[in-house]
Amino acid sequence: MENSNEKIKKYNISEKDLYTLGIIEAKKSTAGFFEKEKLKAKSMGVLKPYNIKFIDLGTLLGEIKKQEYHTNQNLIEKYGNIDLESTKSSIGLKYSIPIIGCVAVLFYFQEWSISM
């Protein structure tokens, strides 16, 4: 069975992208639901050029999180602060978050108006 380090090598993910993904994965651990969804979209945007298979995605991100690239002093000195706001998001999750939010609000108001 292939381990996740081999998957990182298999997909040839750049050092900078591993660092960026490390930052994103670290932020996800303390983020709320909607912020996590935005961060997932950022992860997918970073990984999009690598054509990662869906089945590999979870283990790959888990291993990147375990490797703690965001705490590697050499990478911090080399790449500095990564501006996640300017990091490209995956288009699917970028638009699904507002849609899910609108549906939830509409559902809430529908339930609220029925109960009155």
PDB file of N, CA and C in Angstrom:
ATOM      1  N   MET A   1       0.839  -1.189   0.000  1.00  0.00           N
ATOM      2  CA  MET A   1       0.000   0.000   0.000  1.00  0.00           C
ATOM      3  C   MET A   1       0.882   1.249   0.000  1.00  0.00           C
ATOM      4  N   GLU A   2       0.483   2.214  -0.780  1.00  0.00           N
ATOM      5  CA  GLU A   2       1.234   3.442  -0.956  1.00  0.00           C
ATOM      6  C   GLU A   2       1.025   4.360   0.249  1.00  0.00           C
ATOM      7  N   ASN A   3       2.113   4.923   0.819  1.00  0.00           N
ATOM      8  CA  ASN A   3       1.923   5.859   1.919  1.00  0.00           C
ATOM      9  C   ASN A   3       1.819   7.286   1.386  1.00  0.00           C
ATOM     10  N   SER A   4       1.416   8.201   2.247  1.00  0.00           N
ATOM     11  CA  SER A   4       1.142   9.573   1.812  1.00  0.00           C
ATOM     12  C   SER A   4       2.385  10.315   1.354  1.00  0.00           C
ATOM     13  N   ASN A   5       3.553  10.010   1.941  1.00  0.00           N
ATOM     14  CA  ASN A   5       4.768  10.658   1.457  1.00  0.00           C
ATOM     15  C   ASN A   5       5.012  10.310   0.000  1.00  0.00           C
ATOM     16  N   GLU A   6       4.701   9.089  -0.367  1.00  0.00           N
ATOM     17  CA  GLU A   6       4.841   8.684  -1.757  1.00  0.00           C
ATOM     18  C   GLU A   6       3.836   9.425  -2.637  1.00  0.00           C
ATOM     19  N   LYS A   7       2.672   9.718  -2.076  1.00  0.00           N
ATOM     20  CA  LYS A   7       1.673  10.467  -2.845  1.00  0.00           C
ATOM     21  C   LYS A   7       2.138  11.898  -3.077  1.00  0.00           C
ATOM     22  N   ILE A   8       2.786  12.483  -2.071  1.00  0.00           N
ATOM     23  CA  ILE A   8       3.328  13.830  -2.252  1.00  0.00           C
ATOM     24  C   ILE A   8       4.353  13.807  -3.380  1.00  0.00           C
ATOM     25  N   LYS A   9       5.192  12.782  -3.383  1.00  0.00           N
ATOM     26  CA  LYS A   9       6.187  12.636  -4.454  1.00  0.00           C
ATOM     27  C   LYS A   9       5.510  12.301  -5.782  1.00  0.00           C
ATOM     28  N   LYS A  10       4.499  11.433  -5.722  1.00  0.00           N
ATOM     29  CA  LYS A  10       3.785  11.016  -6.936  1.00  0.00           C
ATOM     30  C   LYS A  10       3.192  12.211  -7.667  1.00  0.00           C
ATOM     31  N   TYR A  11       2.577  13.108  -6.916  1.00  0.00           N
ATOM     32  CA  TYR A  11       1.942  14.274  -7.522  1.00  0.00           C
ATOM     33  C   TYR A  11       2.908  15.438  -7.698  1.00  0.00           C
ATOM     34  N   ASN A  12       4.148  15.277  -7.203  1.00  0.00           N
ATOM     35  CA  ASN A  12       5.206  16.275  -7.382  1.00  0.00           C
ATOM     36  C   ASN A  12       4.753  17.668  -6.936  1.00  0.00           C
ATOM     37  N   ILE A  13       4.231  17.757  -5.723  1.00  0.00           N
ATOM     38  CA  ILE A  13       3.729  19.020  -5.178  1.00  0.00           C
ATOM     39  C   ILE A  13       4.919  19.883  -4.795  1.00  0.00           C
ATOM     40  N   SER A  14       4.889  21.123  -5.230  1.00  0.00           N
ATOM     41  CA  SER A  14       6.015  22.022  -4.981  1.00  0.00           C
ATOM     42  C   SER A  14       6.150  22.334  -3.495  1.00  0.00           C
ATOM     43  N   GLU A  15       7.345  22.707  -3.118  1.00  0.00           N
ATOM     44  CA  GLU A  15       7.649  23.059  -1.733  1.00  0.00           C
ATOM     45  C   GLU A  15       6.776  24.223  -1.250  1.00  0.00           C
ATOM     46  N   LYS A  16       6.610  25.226  -2.101  1.00  0.00           N
ATOM     47  CA  LYS A  16       5.793  26.389  -1.728  1.00  0.00           C
ATOM     48  C   LYS A  16       4.340  25.980  -1.523  1.00  0.00           C
ATOM     49  N   ASP A  17       3.821  25.115  -2.384  1.00  0.00           N
ATOM     50  CA  ASP A  17       2.437  24.668  -2.239  1.00  0.00           C
ATOM     51  C   ASP A  17       2.263  23.813  -0.987  1.00  0.00           C
ATOM     52  N   LEU A  18       3.268  22.996  -0.661  1.00  0.00           N
ATOM     53  CA  LEU A  18       3.201  22.219   0.584  1.00  0.00           C
ATOM     54  C   LEU A  18       3.179  23.151   1.795  1.00  0.00           C
ATOM     55  N   TYR A  19       3.965  24.195   1.751  1.00  0.00           N
ATOM     56  CA  TYR A  19       3.996  25.199   2.822  1.00  0.00           C
ATOM     57  C   TYR A  19       2.632  25.892   2.935  1.00  0.00           C
ATOM     58  N   THR A  20       2.085  26.304   1.795  1.00  0.00           N
ATOM     59  CA  THR A  20       0.766  26.959   1.773  1.00  0.00           C
ATOM     60  C   THR A  20      -0.302  26.020   2.313  1.00  0.00           C
ATOM     61  N   LEU A  21      -0.289  24.779   1.868  1.00  0.00           N
ATOM     62  CA  LEU A  21      -1.274  23.803   2.347  1.00  0.00           C
ATOM     63  C   LEU A  21      -1.100  23.521   3.835  1.00  0.00           C
ATOM     64  N   GLY A  22       0.131  23.532   4.309  1.00  0.00           N
ATOM     65  CA  GLY A  22       0.383  23.362   5.737  1.00  0.00           C
ATOM     66  C   GLY A  22      -0.253  24.469   6.554  1.00  0.00           C
ATOM     67  N   ILE A  23      -0.148  25.698   6.057  1.00  0.00           N
ATOM     68  CA  ILE A  23      -0.778  26.844   6.724  1.00  0.00           C
ATOM     69  C   ILE A  23      -2.295  26.684   6.729  1.00  0.00           C
ATOM     70  N   ILE A  24      -2.850  26.316   5.597  1.00  0.00           N
ATOM     71  CA  ILE A  24      -4.302  26.142   5.478  1.00  0.00           C
ATOM     72  C   ILE A  24      -4.786  25.048   6.427  1.00  0.00           C
ATOM     73  N   GLU A  25      -4.099  23.912   6.440  1.00  0.00           N
ATOM     74  CA  GLU A  25      -4.513  22.799   7.308  1.00  0.00           C
ATOM     75  C   GLU A  25      -4.425  23.189   8.778  1.00  0.00           C
ATOM     76  N   ALA A  26      -3.426  23.955   9.164  1.00  0.00           N
ATOM     77  CA  ALA A  26      -3.302  24.404  10.554  1.00  0.00           C
ATOM     78  C   ALA A  26      -4.446  25.338  10.922  1.00  0.00           C
ATOM     79  N   LYS A  27      -4.825  26.219  10.012  1.00  0.00           N
ATOM     80  CA  LYS A  27      -5.926  27.157  10.285  1.00  0.00           C
ATOM     81  C   LYS A  27      -7.273  26.442  10.376  1.00  0.00           C
ATOM     82  N   LYS A  28      -7.429  25.357   9.618  1.00  0.00           N
ATOM     83  CA  LYS A  28      -8.700  24.620   9.641  1.00  0.00           C
ATOM     84  C   LYS A  28      -9.013  24.042  11.015  1.00  0.00           C
ATOM     85  N   SER A  29      -7.976  23.716  11.776  1.00  0.00           N
ATOM     86  CA  SER A  29      -8.209  23.087  13.081  1.00  0.00           C
ATOM     87  C   SER A  29      -8.878  24.018  14.082  1.00  0.00           C
ATOM     88  N   THR A  30      -8.784  25.336  13.886  1.00  0.00           N
ATOM     89  CA  THR A  30      -9.398  26.282  14.823  1.00  0.00           C
ATOM     90  C   THR A  30     -10.533  27.083  14.192  1.00  0.00           C
ATOM     91  N   ALA A  31     -10.835  26.809  12.940  1.00  0.00           N
ATOM     92  CA  ALA A  31     -11.838  27.604  12.217  1.00  0.00           C
ATOM     93  C   ALA A  31     -13.254  27.078  12.456  1.00  0.00           C
ATOM     94  N   GLY A  32     -14.216  27.981  12.287  1.00  0.00           N
ATOM     95  CA  GLY A  32     -15.622  27.605  12.329  1.00  0.00           C
ATOM     96  C   GLY A  32     -16.034  26.954  11.015  1.00  0.00           C
ATOM     97  N   PHE A  33     -17.295  26.552  10.923  1.00  0.00           N
ATOM     98  CA  PHE A  33     -17.780  25.803   9.760  1.00  0.00           C
ATOM     99  C   PHE A  33     -17.565  26.538   8.440  1.00  0.00           C
ATOM    100  N   PHE A  34     -18.035  27.769   8.332  1.00  0.00           N
ATOM    101  CA  PHE A  34     -17.942  28.489   7.065  1.00  0.00           C
ATOM    102  C   PHE A  34     -16.490  28.830   6.724  1.00  0.00           C
ATOM    103  N   GLU A  35     -15.695  29.154   7.740  1.00  0.00           N
ATOM    104  CA  GLU A  35     -14.281  29.432   7.506  1.00  0.00           C
ATOM    105  C   GLU A  35     -13.569  28.170   7.030  1.00  0.00           C
ATOM    106  N   LYS A  36     -13.921  27.007   7.604  1.00  0.00           N
ATOM    107  CA  LYS A  36     -13.330  25.740   7.150  1.00  0.00           C
ATOM    108  C   LYS A  36     -13.664  25.483   5.688  1.00  0.00           C
ATOM    109  N   GLU A  37     -14.895  25.787   5.304  1.00  0.00           N
ATOM    110  CA  GLU A  37     -15.301  25.582   3.910  1.00  0.00           C
ATOM    111  C   GLU A  37     -14.504  26.492   2.976  1.00  0.00           C
ATOM    112  N   LYS A  38     -14.267  27.724   3.398  1.00  0.00           N
ATOM    113  CA  LYS A  38     -13.450  28.638   2.593  1.00  0.00           C
ATOM    114  C   LYS A  38     -12.024  28.113   2.485  1.00  0.00           C
ATOM    115  N   LEU A  39     -11.501  27.603   3.587  1.00  0.00           N
ATOM    116  CA  LEU A  39     -10.143  27.069   3.581  1.00  0.00           C
ATOM    117  C   LEU A  39     -10.043  25.811   2.722  1.00  0.00           C
ATOM    118  N   LYS A  40     -11.087  24.984   2.734  1.00  0.00           N
ATOM    119  CA  LYS A  40     -11.106  23.807   1.859  1.00  0.00           C
ATOM    120  C   LYS A  40     -11.045  24.240   0.397  1.00  0.00           C
ATOM    121  N   ALA A  41     -11.777  25.300   0.074  1.00  0.00           N
ATOM    122  CA  ALA A  41     -11.761  25.820  -1.293  1.00  0.00           C
ATOM    123  C   ALA A  41     -10.364  26.305  -1.658  1.00  0.00           C
ATOM    124  N   LYS A  42      -9.683  26.918  -0.707  1.00  0.00           N
ATOM    125  CA  LYS A  42      -8.299  27.371  -0.951  1.00  0.00           C
ATOM    126  C   LYS A  42      -7.389  26.162  -1.204  1.00  0.00           C
ATOM    127  N   SER A  43      -7.547  25.108  -0.390  1.00  0.00           N
ATOM    128  CA  SER A  43      -6.746  23.890  -0.581  1.00  0.00           C
ATOM    129  C   SER A  43      -6.966  23.316  -1.969  1.00  0.00           C
ATOM    130  N   MET A  44      -8.217  23.250  -2.368  1.00  0.00           N
ATOM    131  CA  MET A  44      -8.529  22.693  -3.680  1.00  0.00           C
ATOM    132  C   MET A  44      -7.959  23.569  -4.791  1.00  0.00           C
ATOM    133  N   GLY A  45      -7.966  24.877  -4.584  1.00  0.00           N
ATOM    134  CA  GLY A  45      -7.380  25.783  -5.570  1.00  0.00           C
ATOM    135  C   GLY A  45      -5.882  25.565  -5.719  1.00  0.00           C
ATOM    136  N   VAL A  46      -5.194  25.339  -4.589  1.00  0.00           N
ATOM    137  CA  VAL A  46      -3.748  25.089  -4.628  1.00  0.00           C
ATOM    138  C   VAL A  46      -3.465  23.744  -5.310  1.00  0.00           C
ATOM    139  N   LEU A  47      -4.296  22.749  -5.033  1.00  0.00           N
ATOM    140  CA  LEU A  47      -4.056  21.400  -5.552  1.00  0.00           C
ATOM    141  C   LEU A  47      -4.556  21.175  -6.981  1.00  0.00           C
ATOM    142  N   LYS A  48      -5.376  22.066  -7.485  1.00  0.00           N
ATOM    143  CA  LYS A  48      -5.987  21.867  -8.802  1.00  0.00           C
ATOM    144  C   LYS A  48      -4.978  21.562  -9.916  1.00  0.00           C
ATOM    145  N   PRO A  49      -3.856  22.261 -10.003  1.00  0.00           N
ATOM    146  CA  PRO A  49      -2.921  21.959 -11.105  1.00  0.00           C
ATOM    147  C   PRO A  49      -2.298  20.561 -11.030  1.00  0.00           C
ATOM    148  N   TYR A  50      -2.385  19.919  -9.874  1.00  0.00           N
ATOM    149  CA  TYR A  50      -1.747  18.616  -9.697  1.00  0.00           C
ATOM    150  C   TYR A  50      -2.655  17.444 -10.067  1.00  0.00           C
ATOM    151  N   ASN A  51      -3.914  17.711 -10.375  1.00  0.00           N
ATOM    152  CA  ASN A  51      -4.868  16.663 -10.763  1.00  0.00           C
ATOM    153  C   ASN A  51      -4.877  15.508  -9.765  1.00  0.00           C
ATOM    154  N   ILE A  52      -5.076  15.846  -8.492  1.00  0.00           N
ATOM    155  CA  ILE A  52      -5.100  14.854  -7.424  1.00  0.00           C
ATOM    156  C   ILE A  52      -6.369  14.014  -7.572  1.00  0.00           C
ATOM    157  N   LYS A  53      -6.220  12.696  -7.465  1.00  0.00           N
ATOM    158  CA  LYS A  53      -7.382  11.813  -7.497  1.00  0.00           C
ATOM    159  C   LYS A  53      -8.175  12.015  -6.203  1.00  0.00           C
ATOM    160  N   PHE A  54      -9.480  12.010  -6.319  1.00  0.00           N
ATOM    161  CA  PHE A  54     -10.348  12.230  -5.166  1.00  0.00           C
ATOM    162  C   PHE A  54     -10.041  11.253  -4.036  1.00  0.00           C
ATOM    163  N   ILE A  55      -9.782  10.022  -4.382  1.00  0.00           N
ATOM    164  CA  ILE A  55      -9.523   8.987  -3.377  1.00  0.00           C
ATOM    165  C   ILE A  55      -8.234   9.274  -2.587  1.00  0.00           C
ATOM    166  N   ASP A  56      -7.289   9.991  -3.170  1.00  0.00           N
ATOM    167  CA  ASP A  56      -6.021  10.320  -2.516  1.00  0.00           C
ATOM    168  C   ASP A  56      -6.096  11.608  -1.690  1.00  0.00           C
ATOM    169  N   LEU A  57      -7.096  12.401  -1.913  1.00  0.00           N
ATOM    170  CA  LEU A  57      -7.159  13.744  -1.343  1.00  0.00           C
ATOM    171  C   LEU A  57      -7.106  13.771   0.182  1.00  0.00           C
ATOM    172  N   GLY A  58      -7.926  12.986   0.835  1.00  0.00           N
ATOM    173  CA  GLY A  58      -7.986  13.002   2.300  1.00  0.00           C
ATOM    174  C   GLY A  58      -6.683  12.585   2.950  1.00  0.00           C
ATOM    175  N   THR A  59      -6.105  11.491   2.466  1.00  0.00           N
ATOM    176  CA  THR A  59      -4.845  11.027   3.061  1.00  0.00           C
ATOM    177  C   THR A  59      -3.708  11.986   2.746  1.00  0.00           C
ATOM    178  N   LEU A  60      -3.736  12.574   1.571  1.00  0.00           N
ATOM    179  CA  LEU A  60      -2.698  13.528   1.188  1.00  0.00           C
ATOM    180  C   LEU A  60      -2.737  14.755   2.097  1.00  0.00           C
ATOM    181  N   LEU A  61      -3.918  15.322   2.299  1.00  0.00           N
ATOM    182  CA  LEU A  61      -4.038  16.495   3.176  1.00  0.00           C
ATOM    183  C   LEU A  61      -3.715  16.144   4.624  1.00  0.00           C
ATOM    184  N   GLY A  62      -4.084  14.957   5.042  1.00  0.00           N
ATOM    185  CA  GLY A  62      -3.759  14.511   6.399  1.00  0.00           C
ATOM    186  C   GLY A  62      -2.257  14.420   6.617  1.00  0.00           C
ATOM    187  N   GLU A  63      -1.557  13.896   5.630  1.00  0.00           N
ATOM    188  CA  GLU A  63      -0.109  13.789   5.749  1.00  0.00           C
ATOM    189  C   GLU A  63       0.559  15.162   5.704  1.00  0.00           C
ATOM    190  N   ILE A  64       0.047  16.036   4.879  1.00  0.00           N
ATOM    191  CA  ILE A  64       0.595  17.403   4.835  1.00  0.00           C
ATOM    192  C   ILE A  64       0.416  18.063   6.199  1.00  0.00           C
ATOM    193  N   LYS A  65      -0.738  17.838   6.817  1.00  0.00           N
ATOM    194  CA  LYS A  65      -0.979  18.396   8.147  1.00  0.00           C
ATOM    195  C   LYS A  65       0.006  17.814   9.164  1.00  0.00           C
ATOM    196  N   LYS A  66       0.230  16.494   9.102  1.00  0.00           N
ATOM    197  CA  LYS A  66       1.157  15.831  10.027  1.00  0.00           C
ATOM    198  C   LYS A  66       2.587  16.325   9.857  1.00  0.00           C
ATOM    199  N   GLN A  67       2.974  16.626   8.638  1.00  0.00           N
ATOM    200  CA  GLN A  67       4.343  17.070   8.363  1.00  0.00           C
ATOM    201  C   GLN A  67       4.618  18.477   8.901  1.00  0.00           C
ATOM    202  N   GLU A  68       3.563  19.236   9.180  1.00  0.00           N
ATOM    203  CA  GLU A  68       3.672  20.590   9.752  1.00  0.00           C
ATOM    204  C   GLU A  68       4.648  21.469   8.963  1.00  0.00           C
ATOM    205  N   TYR A  69       4.440  21.529   7.657  1.00  0.00           N
ATOM    206  CA  TYR A  69       5.287  22.360   6.810  1.00  0.00           C
ATOM    207  C   TYR A  69       5.239  23.823   7.241  1.00  0.00           C
ATOM    208  N   HIS A  70       4.128  24.248   7.805  1.00  0.00           N
ATOM    209  CA  HIS A  70       3.971  25.641   8.214  1.00  0.00           C
ATOM    210  C   HIS A  70       4.879  26.029   9.379  1.00  0.00           C
ATOM    211  N   THR A  71       5.463  25.042  10.081  1.00  0.00           N
ATOM    212  CA  THR A  71       6.362  25.335  11.194  1.00  0.00           C
ATOM    213  C   THR A  71       7.836  25.143  10.817  1.00  0.00           C
ATOM    214  N   ASN A  72       8.102  24.741   9.586  1.00  0.00           N
ATOM    215  CA  ASN A  72       9.467  24.522   9.119  1.00  0.00           C
ATOM    216  C   ASN A  72      10.159  25.877   8.947  1.00  0.00           C
ATOM    217  N   GLN A  73      11.175  26.137   9.766  1.00  0.00           N
ATOM    218  CA  GLN A  73      11.834  27.442   9.772  1.00  0.00           C
ATOM    219  C   GLN A  73      12.448  27.790   8.417  1.00  0.00           C
ATOM    220  N   ASN A  74      12.996  26.799   7.708  1.00  0.00           N
ATOM    221  CA  ASN A  74      13.564  27.065   6.379  1.00  0.00           C
ATOM    222  C   ASN A  74      12.498  27.560   5.411  1.00  0.00           C
ATOM    223  N   LEU A  75      11.313  26.936   5.451  1.00  0.00           N
ATOM    224  CA  LEU A  75      10.228  27.356   4.561  1.00  0.00           C
ATOM    225  C   LEU A  75       9.688  28.727   4.959  1.00  0.00           C
ATOM    226  N   ILE A  76       9.620  28.981   6.253  1.00  0.00           N
ATOM    227  CA  ILE A  76       9.148  30.292   6.733  1.00  0.00           C
ATOM    228  C   ILE A  76      10.080  31.386   6.227  1.00  0.00           C
ATOM    229  N   GLU A  77      11.390  31.150   6.337  1.00  0.00           N
ATOM    230  CA  GLU A  77      12.356  32.146   5.867  1.00  0.00           C
ATOM    231  C   GLU A  77      12.305  32.294   4.347  1.00  0.00           C
ATOM    232  N   LYS A  78      12.104  31.194   3.657  1.00  0.00           N
ATOM    233  CA  LYS A  78      12.112  31.207   2.189  1.00  0.00           C
ATOM    234  C   LYS A  78      10.861  31.863   1.605  1.00  0.00           C
ATOM    235  N   TYR A  79       9.681  31.550   2.174  1.00  0.00           N
ATOM    236  CA  TYR A  79       8.425  32.015   1.585  1.00  0.00           C
ATOM    237  C   TYR A  79       7.709  33.071   2.412  1.00  0.00           C
ATOM    238  N   GLY A  80       8.070  33.240   3.670  1.00  0.00           N
ATOM    239  CA  GLY A  80       7.458  34.260   4.517  1.00  0.00           C
ATOM    240  C   GLY A  80       5.981  34.010   4.750  1.00  0.00           C
ATOM    241  N   ASN A  81       5.261  35.096   4.961  1.00  0.00           N
ATOM    242  CA  ASN A  81       3.811  35.007   5.166  1.00  0.00           C
ATOM    243  C   ASN A  81       3.118  34.781   3.832  1.00  0.00           C
ATOM    244  N   ILE A  82       2.235  33.820   3.815  1.00  0.00           N
ATOM    245  CA  ILE A  82       1.433  33.546   2.621  1.00  0.00           C
ATOM    246  C   ILE A  82       0.094  34.242   2.799  1.00  0.00           C
ATOM    247  N   ASP A  83      -0.263  35.067   1.841  1.00  0.00           N
ATOM    248  CA  ASP A  83      -1.546  35.773   1.888  1.00  0.00           C
ATOM    249  C   ASP A  83      -2.628  34.840   1.353  1.00  0.00           C
ATOM    250  N   LEU A  84      -3.377  34.235   2.276  1.00  0.00           N
ATOM    251  CA  LEU A  84      -4.411  33.286   1.854  1.00  0.00           C
ATOM    252  C   LEU A  84      -5.567  33.967   1.135  1.00  0.00           C
ATOM    253  N   GLU A  85      -5.770  35.250   1.402  1.00  0.00           N
ATOM    254  CA  GLU A  85      -6.851  35.966   0.715  1.00  0.00           C
ATOM    255  C   GLU A  85      -6.598  36.022  -0.792  1.00  0.00           C
ATOM    256  N   SER A  86      -5.327  36.106  -1.176  1.00  0.00           N
ATOM    257  CA  SER A  86      -5.016  36.181  -2.605  1.00  0.00           C
ATOM    258  C   SER A  86      -4.810  34.801  -3.224  1.00  0.00           C
ATOM    259  N   THR A  87      -4.819  33.759  -2.386  1.00  0.00           N
ATOM    260  CA  THR A  87      -4.677  32.392  -2.896  1.00  0.00           C
ATOM    261  C   THR A  87      -5.951  32.000  -3.624  1.00  0.00           C
ATOM    262  N   LYS A  88      -5.776  31.447  -4.797  1.00  0.00           N
ATOM    263  CA  LYS A  88      -6.904  31.062  -5.636  1.00  0.00           C
ATOM    264  C   LYS A  88      -7.732  29.966  -4.978  1.00  0.00           C
ATOM    265  N   SER A  89      -9.041  30.087  -5.028  1.00  0.00           N
ATOM    266  CA  SER A  89      -9.955  29.070  -4.498  1.00  0.00           C
ATOM    267  C   SER A  89     -10.484  28.214  -5.628  1.00  0.00           C
ATOM    268  N   SER A  90     -10.878  27.012  -5.257  1.00  0.00           N
ATOM    269  CA  SER A  90     -11.560  26.155  -6.217  1.00  0.00           C
ATOM    270  C   SER A  90     -12.926  26.760  -6.478  1.00  0.00           C
ATOM    271  N   ILE A  91     -13.312  26.851  -7.711  1.00  0.00           N
ATOM    272  CA  ILE A  91     -14.554  27.529  -8.069  1.00  0.00           C
ATOM    273  C   ILE A  91     -15.783  26.847  -7.493  1.00  0.00           C
ATOM    274  N   GLY A  92     -15.760  25.521  -7.374  1.00  0.00           N
ATOM    275  CA  GLY A  92     -16.921  24.797  -6.868  1.00  0.00           C
ATOM    276  C   GLY A  92     -17.269  25.196  -5.444  1.00  0.00           C
ATOM    277  N   LEU A  93     -16.308  25.129  -4.537  1.00  0.00           N
ATOM    278  CA  LEU A  93     -16.571  25.470  -3.149  1.00  0.00           C
ATOM    279  C   LEU A  93     -16.730  26.970  -2.947  1.00  0.00           C
ATOM    280  N   LYS A  94     -16.081  27.759  -3.796  1.00  0.00           N
ATOM    281  CA  LYS A  94     -16.161  29.207  -3.679  1.00  0.00           C
ATOM    282  C   LYS A  94     -17.606  29.681  -3.799  1.00  0.00           C
ATOM    283  N   TYR A  95     -18.371  29.073  -4.702  1.00  0.00           N
ATOM    284  CA  TYR A  95     -19.758  29.474  -4.906  1.00  0.00           C
ATOM    285  C   TYR A  95     -20.750  28.662  -4.099  1.00  0.00           C
ATOM    286  N   SER A  96     -20.370  27.469  -3.677  1.00  0.00           N
ATOM    287  CA  SER A  96     -21.311  26.641  -2.926  1.00  0.00           C
ATOM    288  C   SER A  96     -21.539  27.167  -1.516  1.00  0.00           C
ATOM    289  N   ILE A  97     -20.559  27.805  -0.915  1.00  0.00           N
ATOM    290  CA  ILE A  97     -20.709  28.326   0.452  1.00  0.00           C
ATOM    291  C   ILE A  97     -21.817  29.380   0.513  1.00  0.00           C
ATOM    292  N   PRO A  98     -21.807  30.412  -0.362  1.00  0.00           N
ATOM    293  CA  PRO A  98     -22.908  31.377  -0.308  1.00  0.00           C
ATOM    294  C   PRO A  98     -24.270  30.751  -0.630  1.00  0.00           C
ATOM    295  N   ILE A  99     -24.283  29.786  -1.529  1.00  0.00           N
ATOM    296  CA  ILE A  99     -25.540  29.132  -1.883  1.00  0.00           C
ATOM    297  C   ILE A  99     -26.084  28.356  -0.684  1.00  0.00           C
ATOM    298  N   ILE A 100     -25.218  27.607  -0.004  1.00  0.00           N
ATOM    299  CA  ILE A 100     -25.640  26.861   1.190  1.00  0.00           C
ATOM    300  C   ILE A 100     -26.149  27.828   2.260  1.00  0.00           C
ATOM    301  N   GLY A 101     -25.451  28.940   2.435  1.00  0.00           N
ATOM    302  CA  GLY A 101     -25.881  29.945   3.411  1.00  0.00           C
ATOM    303  C   GLY A 101     -27.258  30.510   3.077  1.00  0.00           C
ATOM    304  N   CYS A 102     -27.491  30.821   1.813  1.00  0.00           N
ATOM    305  CA  CYS A 102     -28.794  31.364   1.397  1.00  0.00           C
ATOM    306  C   CYS A 102     -29.908  30.341   1.591  1.00  0.00           C
ATOM    307  N   VAL A 103     -29.645  29.095   1.240  1.00  0.00           N
ATOM    308  CA  VAL A 103     -30.645  28.050   1.421  1.00  0.00           C
ATOM    309  C   VAL A 103     -30.981  27.886   2.901  1.00  0.00           C
ATOM    310  N   ALA A 104     -29.973  27.928   3.755  1.00  0.00           N
ATOM    311  CA  ALA A 104     -30.199  27.803   5.202  1.00  0.00           C
ATOM    312  C   ALA A 104     -31.042  28.957   5.722  1.00  0.00           C
ATOM    313  N   VAL A 105     -30.762  30.158   5.279  1.00  0.00           N
ATOM    314  CA  VAL A 105     -31.539  31.326   5.713  1.00  0.00           C
ATOM    315  C   VAL A 105     -32.975  31.212   5.217  1.00  0.00           C
ATOM    316  N   LEU A 106     -33.164  30.836   3.963  1.00  0.00           N
ATOM    317  CA  LEU A 106     -34.511  30.681   3.421  1.00  0.00           C
ATOM    318  C   LEU A 106     -35.281  29.590   4.164  1.00  0.00           C
ATOM    319  N   PHE A 107     -34.618  28.479   4.457  1.00  0.00           N
ATOM    320  CA  PHE A 107     -35.246  27.404   5.206  1.00  0.00           C
ATOM    321  C   PHE A 107     -35.669  27.891   6.587  1.00  0.00           C
ATOM    322  N   TYR A 108     -34.793  28.639   7.245  1.00  0.00           N
ATOM    323  CA  TYR A 108     -35.094  29.164   8.581  1.00  0.00           C
ATOM    324  C   TYR A 108     -36.325  30.076   8.525  1.00  0.00           C
ATOM    325  N   PHE A 109     -36.363  30.990   7.575  1.00  0.00           N
ATOM    326  CA  PHE A 109     -37.506  31.891   7.475  1.00  0.00           C
ATOM    327  C   PHE A 109     -38.781  31.171   7.095  1.00  0.00           C
ATOM    328  N   GLN A 110     -38.671  30.139   6.290  1.00  0.00           N
ATOM    329  CA  GLN A 110     -39.850  29.353   5.927  1.00  0.00           C
ATOM    330  C   GLN A 110     -40.398  28.658   7.178  1.00  0.00           C
ATOM    331  N   GLU A 111     -39.534  28.043   7.957  1.00  0.00           N
ATOM    332  CA  GLU A 111     -39.963  27.386   9.192  1.00  0.00           C
ATOM    333  C   GLU A 111     -40.537  28.400  10.182  1.00  0.00           C
ATOM    334  N   TRP A 112     -39.920  29.545  10.251  1.00  0.00           N
ATOM    335  CA  TRP A 112     -40.358  30.594  11.163  1.00  0.00           C
ATOM    336  C   TRP A 112     -41.754  31.112  10.771  1.00  0.00           C
ATOM    337  N   SER A 113     -41.981  31.305   9.453  1.00  0.00           N
ATOM    338  CA  SER A 113     -43.277  31.812   9.011  1.00  0.00           C
ATOM    339  C   SER A 113     -44.376  30.766   9.161  1.00  0.00           C
ATOM    340  N   ILE A 114     -44.057  29.490   9.056  1.00  0.00           N
ATOM    341  CA  ILE A 114     -45.047  28.440   9.226  1.00  0.00           C
ATOM    342  C   ILE A 114     -45.486  28.353  10.680  1.00  0.00           C
ATOM    343  N   SER A 115     -44.539  28.553  11.590  1.00  0.00           N
ATOM    344  CA  SER A 115     -44.860  28.434  13.014  1.00  0.00           C
ATOM    345  C   SER A 115     -45.674  29.619  13.520  1.00  0.00           C
ATOM    346  N   MET A 116     -45.770  30.671  12.779  1.00  0.00           N
ATOM    347  CA  MET A 116     -46.531  31.839  13.228  1.00  0.00           C
ATOM    348  C   MET A 116     -47.955  31.678  12.881  1.00  0.00           C
TER     349      MET A 116
END
